[in-house]
Amino acid sequence: MNWNDAAEDLFQSILSGTPRPIRDQTAENLRSTAEGLAEEEGKNRVGVQTVVEAWVKITPETLRSDIPRQMELFGLDASEYEYLFE
């Protein structure tokens, strides 16, 4: 599955903030979840929106409230993704 550059950059940013002991497992989970979501939507390329959806999906519910703050740090408008937290 292909990834656009912005999606790959976001993926790397997310991983850079992930504690080292779980970084490799998180990378595998995030990549496979994003690619699975893209396939389900009939896409042949992973984009930023798909990475964000996968990020929210794999993050334990107790930690999701911090994702909007992290999105802002990565230059994303968290309000565009509010639907993922409902």
Protein backbone atom coordinates (compact mmCIF):
# COMPACT_ATOMS: atom_id res chain seq x y z
CA MET A 1 0.00 0.00 0.00
CA ASN A 2 1.31 3.44 -0.90
CA TRP A 3 1.42 6.33 1.56
CA ASN A 4 1.45 9.98 0.60
CA ASP A 5 4.27 12.07 2.03
CA ALA A 6 2.10 13.98 4.49
CA ALA A 7 0.67 10.71 5.87
CA GLU A 8 4.16 9.25 6.28
CA ASP A 9 5.33 12.45 8.02
CA LEU A 10 2.39 12.28 10.43
CA PHE A 11 3.07 8.59 11.06
CA GLN A 12 6.68 9.41 11.98
CA SER A 13 5.58 12.32 14.20
CA ILE A 14 3.18 10.09 16.10
CA LEU A 15 5.89 7.50 16.61
CA SER A 16 8.39 10.09 17.80
CA GLY A 17 6.08 10.84 20.73
CA THR A 18 5.50 7.19 21.54
CA PRO A 19 7.49 5.71 24.43
CA ARG A 20 10.38 3.63 23.12
CA PRO A 21 9.32 0.34 24.80
CA ILE A 22 6.09 0.25 22.77
CA ARG A 23 7.20 2.17 19.67
CA ASP A 24 7.78 -0.84 17.39
CA GLN A 25 4.47 -2.45 18.31
CA THR A 26 2.68 0.88 17.89
CA ALA A 27 4.28 1.35 14.47
CA GLU A 28 3.07 -2.07 13.34
CA ASN A 29 -0.43 -1.51 14.73
CA LEU A 30 -0.76 2.00 13.30
CA ARG A 31 0.53 1.02 9.86
CA SER A 32 -1.62 -2.11 9.55
CA THR A 33 -4.73 -0.33 10.87
CA ALA A 34 -4.26 2.62 8.49
CA GLU A 35 -3.71 0.33 5.53
CA GLY A 36 -6.71 -1.78 6.49
CA LEU A 37 -8.93 1.31 6.74
CA ALA A 38 -7.71 2.53 3.36
CA GLU A 39 -8.45 -0.86 1.79
CA GLU A 40 -11.94 -0.93 3.33
CA GLU A 41 -12.60 2.47 1.75
CA GLY A 42 -11.35 1.25 -1.63
CA LYS A 43 -8.29 3.50 -1.59
CA ASN A 44 -4.89 2.50 -2.92
CA ARG A 45 -3.04 5.17 -0.94
CA VAL A 46 -3.00 6.08 2.74
CA GLY A 47 -3.60 9.77 3.44
CA VAL A 48 -3.48 11.94 6.54
CA GLN A 49 -7.15 11.45 7.38
CA THR A 50 -6.73 7.68 7.34
CA VAL A 51 -3.67 7.91 9.61
CA VAL A 52 -5.62 10.07 12.06
CA GLU A 53 -8.53 7.62 12.06
CA ALA A 54 -6.15 4.71 12.67
CA TRP A 55 -4.35 6.66 15.42
CA VAL A 56 -7.59 7.27 17.29
CA LYS A 57 -8.70 3.68 16.76
CA ILE A 58 -5.54 2.10 18.20
CA THR A 59 -5.18 4.53 21.10
CA PRO A 60 -6.64 3.24 24.37
CA GLU A 61 -9.81 5.15 25.22
CA THR A 62 -8.30 6.51 28.44
CA LEU A 63 -5.55 8.26 26.43
CA ARG A 64 -7.64 9.60 23.52
CA SER A 65 -8.41 12.91 25.19
CA ASP A 66 -4.80 13.99 24.59
CA ILE A 67 -4.89 13.35 20.84
CA PRO A 68 -6.42 16.74 19.88
CA ARG A 69 -3.58 18.54 21.69
CA GLN A 70 -1.04 16.38 19.89
CA MET A 71 -2.77 17.05 16.56
CA GLU A 72 -2.33 20.79 17.11
CA LEU A 73 1.38 20.22 17.79
CA PHE A 74 1.61 18.37 14.47
CA GLY A 75 -0.09 21.26 12.64
CA LEU A 76 -3.48 19.59 12.25
CA ASP A 77 -6.81 21.27 12.98
CA ALA A 78 -8.27 18.99 15.64
CA SER A 79 -11.77 20.37 15.04
CA GLU A 80 -11.79 18.62 11.65
CA TYR A 81 -11.59 15.29 13.46
CA GLU A 82 -14.05 15.84 16.32
CA TYR A 83 -16.36 13.20 14.85
CA LEU A 84 -13.77 10.54 15.73
CA PHE A 85 -14.15 11.29 19.43
CA GLU A 86 -17.95 11.15 19.67
